[in-house]
Every structure is written in C-alpha cells, then in structure tokens.
Amino acid sequence: MTRKKPAPTASTPALRALERAGVEHEVLEYEHDERSGRGFGEEAAEKLGLDATVVFKTLMVTLPDDSLAAGVVPVAGTLDLRALASALGVKKVAMAEPALAQRRTGYVLGGISPMGQRHQAAVVIDSSALALDHVLVSGGRRGLDVRLAPQDLVTVTQARVAPIAAP
C-alpha cells in the first residue's frame, strides 16, 4: 500500500490525523450522489467497486453520561447496540441524534470518520476488521474514504476491538 498525499481540496481532520501519525494509507474518492437512496457506506462500496465487508461505517452512539462513542462496523452488517454497550462497559447505548453527532465530531452524516473528530469519542471497532488486510473508513466527508491496515486504525483511534456487528 502506498501513501497518497491528499490534494489540498481533500484535506480533512481525519487525513491530517493519519499524516501526523505517519500511518500508511490510501485516499479514495468517488462522486457522492445525494439522490442515491442507499446508505452512505453501501454507496461507497458500490462506487469504489469493493466488497461491503471491507468498507466500514462509523456510527455514533450516546452513553448514559451523555458522552458519545463510535461503533465502527462493516457496511454489510449492522451495529449490535448491546454488544457495543458491553464493550464500553455500560448498560445501554442509543444511537446519537444526528445533529449532536455532527456537532461533536465536526463531520456531516455520511462523512463521520473515527479519526480526527472535534471531540474525540471512544471508538470500538468490530473484531472482523482484524481478519482483513485493509479496511476502508470515511476520510471525513461524503465521497472520501481511506484505505488502511486495521491495526493502524486501532492505533490511531486508540480503539477497543470487540464483536459489535450483527449480520
């Protein structure tokens, strides 16, 4: 895998975080279609010609103390809220209100990255990622993904790894 420096127009906090950490990555862009009717992750997998098991989505949840956490799961599956709560050591989590997720992360829905968030949330990555050579996550805006080694994603986000995805 080669490191591709993003064009100045593609610079985001997520990409800057990867550069600062010296993480080897590849930036992949596609034309986002506002009218696609698909989920953002499914659109990314389709437009980039990739299997939906290697493209991961970042879903923000609210914890009992009103803090946020991120569950990072393959777009081919769904987030198991109970499993995520268990991995975070709390009794219950709920999907975060979209406006709150956007405000706290600094990203828009469909472009929320687990890296470079305005207020960095705890991150839990589904354990299926570790079986892969690389994963893709949002690079911080719609139509921008980053391919990197799963262990590098764990390191740069200081994530926990747990089985949090449901098929």
Protein backbone atom coordinates (compact mmCIF):
# COMPACT_ATOMS: atom_id res chain seq x y z
CA MET A 1 0.00 0.00 0.00
CA THR A 2 1.35 3.42 -0.84
CA ARG A 3 0.76 6.64 0.95
CA LYS A 4 -1.02 9.12 -1.25
CA LYS A 5 -0.92 12.71 -0.16
CA PRO A 6 -4.38 14.23 -0.48
CA ALA A 7 -4.91 17.18 -2.76
CA PRO A 8 -5.37 20.38 -0.77
CA THR A 9 -9.11 20.30 -1.51
CA ALA A 10 -9.36 16.81 0.07
CA SER A 11 -7.68 17.72 3.36
CA THR A 12 -9.80 16.87 6.39
CA PRO A 13 -9.06 16.46 10.09
CA ALA A 14 -9.10 12.67 9.56
CA LEU A 15 -6.47 12.81 6.83
CA ARG A 16 -4.35 15.22 8.83
CA ALA A 17 -4.53 12.85 11.84
CA LEU A 18 -3.24 10.00 9.67
CA GLU A 19 -0.44 12.15 8.29
CA ARG A 20 0.60 13.32 11.77
CA ALA A 21 0.66 9.71 12.98
CA GLY A 22 2.71 8.61 9.97
CA VAL A 23 0.10 5.97 9.10
CA GLU A 24 0.37 4.42 5.67
CA HIS A 25 -2.94 4.95 3.86
CA GLU A 26 -4.56 5.49 0.51
CA VAL A 27 -7.18 8.14 -0.18
CA LEU A 28 -10.05 7.04 -2.40
CA GLU A 29 -12.62 9.49 -3.76
CA TYR A 30 -15.90 8.98 -5.58
CA GLU A 31 -18.75 11.20 -6.67
CA HIS A 32 -21.38 11.14 -3.94
CA ASP A 33 -24.95 11.03 -5.27
CA GLU A 34 -27.38 12.85 -2.94
CA ARG A 35 -30.31 11.05 -4.60
CA SER A 36 -28.93 7.51 -4.47
CA GLY A 37 -31.34 6.33 -1.77
CA ARG A 38 -28.67 3.93 -0.44
CA GLY A 39 -26.79 4.18 2.79
CA PHE A 40 -23.54 6.13 2.56
CA GLY A 41 -21.41 3.05 3.20
CA GLU A 42 -23.22 0.93 0.63
CA GLU A 43 -22.78 3.73 -1.90
CA ALA A 44 -19.04 3.90 -1.15
CA ALA A 45 -18.61 0.14 -1.60
CA GLU A 46 -20.53 0.17 -4.87
CA LYS A 47 -18.86 3.23 -6.37
CA LEU A 48 -15.38 2.05 -5.37
CA GLY A 49 -16.08 -1.48 -6.64
CA LEU A 50 -15.32 -3.07 -3.26
CA ASP A 51 -16.85 -5.81 -1.17
CA ALA A 52 -19.08 -4.38 1.57
CA THR A 53 -17.21 -6.45 4.18
CA VAL A 54 -14.06 -4.27 3.86
CA VAL A 55 -15.85 -0.92 3.88
CA PHE A 56 -16.68 0.15 7.43
CA LYS A 57 -19.17 2.74 8.67
CA THR A 58 -18.81 4.88 11.77
CA LEU A 59 -21.97 5.06 13.86
CA MET A 60 -22.17 7.43 16.80
CA VAL A 61 -23.97 6.43 19.99
CA THR A 62 -24.86 8.23 23.20
CA LEU A 63 -23.77 6.73 26.52
CA PRO A 64 -25.68 7.07 29.82
CA ASP A 65 -23.48 10.04 30.83
CA ASP A 66 -24.38 11.83 27.54
CA SER A 67 -20.90 11.35 26.10
CA LEU A 68 -20.56 9.87 22.62
CA ALA A 69 -18.80 6.78 21.36
CA ALA A 70 -18.23 5.43 17.86
CA GLY A 71 -19.01 1.92 16.69
CA VAL A 72 -17.11 1.02 13.52
CA VAL A 73 -18.70 -1.91 11.67
CA PRO A 74 -18.77 -3.31 8.12
CA VAL A 75 -21.42 -1.72 5.91
CA ALA A 76 -22.53 -5.28 5.11
CA GLY A 77 -23.84 -5.62 8.68
CA THR A 78 -25.47 -3.62 11.43
CA LEU A 79 -24.35 -2.34 14.80
CA ASP A 80 -25.33 -4.50 17.78
CA LEU A 81 -26.08 -1.86 20.42
CA ARG A 82 -25.98 -4.35 23.31
CA ALA A 83 -22.59 -5.66 22.24
CA LEU A 84 -21.27 -2.12 21.88
CA ALA A 85 -22.58 -1.18 25.34
CA SER A 86 -20.87 -4.25 26.78
CA ALA A 87 -17.58 -3.39 25.05
CA LEU A 88 -17.78 0.12 26.51
CA GLY A 89 -18.60 -1.18 30.00
CA VAL A 90 -22.03 0.47 30.22
CA LYS A 91 -25.53 -0.97 30.49
CA LYS A 92 -27.05 0.73 27.47
CA VAL A 93 -26.25 2.94 24.49
CA ALA A 94 -28.56 4.60 22.00
CA MET A 95 -27.99 5.91 18.50
CA ALA A 96 -26.91 9.54 18.78
CA GLU A 97 -29.15 12.26 17.43
CA PRO A 98 -27.75 13.24 14.01
CA ALA A 99 -27.34 16.94 14.88
CA LEU A 100 -25.45 16.05 18.08
CA ALA A 101 -23.19 13.59 16.23
CA GLN A 102 -22.37 16.22 13.63
CA ARG A 103 -21.72 18.95 16.20
CA ARG A 104 -19.47 16.83 18.41
CA THR A 105 -17.49 15.15 15.61
CA GLY A 106 -17.21 18.14 13.29
CA TYR A 107 -18.31 15.96 10.36
CA VAL A 108 -21.57 15.65 8.41
CA LEU A 109 -23.59 12.44 8.35
CA GLY A 110 -22.18 10.12 5.73
CA GLY A 111 -18.75 11.61 6.31
CA ILE A 112 -18.20 10.90 10.01
CA SER A 113 -14.75 9.43 10.45
CA PRO A 114 -13.49 7.65 13.56
CA MET A 115 -10.32 9.77 13.22
CA GLY A 116 -9.81 13.47 13.77
CA GLN A 117 -13.11 14.18 15.48
CA ARG A 118 -13.62 17.63 17.02
CA HIS A 119 -14.29 15.98 20.40
CA GLN A 120 -12.70 12.55 20.05
CA ALA A 121 -15.12 9.89 21.22
CA ALA A 122 -14.26 6.43 22.45
CA VAL A 123 -14.02 4.10 19.45
CA VAL A 124 -14.88 0.40 19.24
CA ILE A 125 -14.03 -1.43 16.02
CA ASP A 126 -15.72 -4.68 15.10
CA SER A 127 -13.33 -7.60 15.55
CA SER A 128 -13.95 -8.76 11.95
CA ALA A 129 -11.62 -5.95 10.85
CA LEU A 130 -8.56 -7.71 12.23
CA ALA A 131 -9.02 -10.62 9.82
CA LEU A 132 -8.64 -8.27 6.84
CA ASP A 133 -5.52 -6.94 5.12
CA HIS A 134 -7.07 -3.49 4.94
CA VAL A 135 -10.30 -1.65 5.73
CA LEU A 136 -11.89 1.50 4.41
CA VAL A 137 -13.41 4.16 6.64
CA SER A 138 -14.66 7.64 5.93
CA GLY A 139 -11.97 10.20 5.34
CA GLY A 140 -14.09 12.95 6.82
CA ARG A 141 -16.54 13.89 4.09
CA ARG A 142 -19.03 12.23 1.79
CA GLY A 143 -17.28 10.73 -1.21
CA LEU A 144 -13.92 10.38 0.55
CA ASP A 145 -12.70 7.10 2.03
CA VAL A 146 -9.35 5.98 3.39
CA ARG A 147 -7.84 2.51 3.00
CA LEU A 148 -5.51 1.45 5.79
CA ALA A 149 -4.41 -1.57 7.79
CA PRO A 150 -6.91 -2.42 10.53
CA GLN A 151 -4.23 -2.40 13.23
CA ASP A 152 -3.24 1.12 12.16
CA LEU A 153 -6.89 2.19 12.52
CA VAL A 154 -6.96 0.70 16.01
CA THR A 155 -3.73 2.51 16.92
CA VAL A 156 -4.59 5.94 15.52
CA THR A 157 -8.06 5.95 17.12
CA GLN A 158 -6.91 4.26 20.35
CA ALA A 159 -9.84 1.90 19.78
CA ARG A 160 -11.07 -1.15 21.56
CA VAL A 161 -11.78 -4.18 19.38
CA ALA A 162 -14.85 -6.31 20.05
CA PRO A 163 -17.53 -8.27 18.17
CA ILE A 164 -20.08 -5.44 17.78
CA ALA A 165 -21.52 -6.18 14.32
CA ALA A 166 -24.61 -8.21 13.60
CA PRO A 167 -25.16 -9.69 10.13
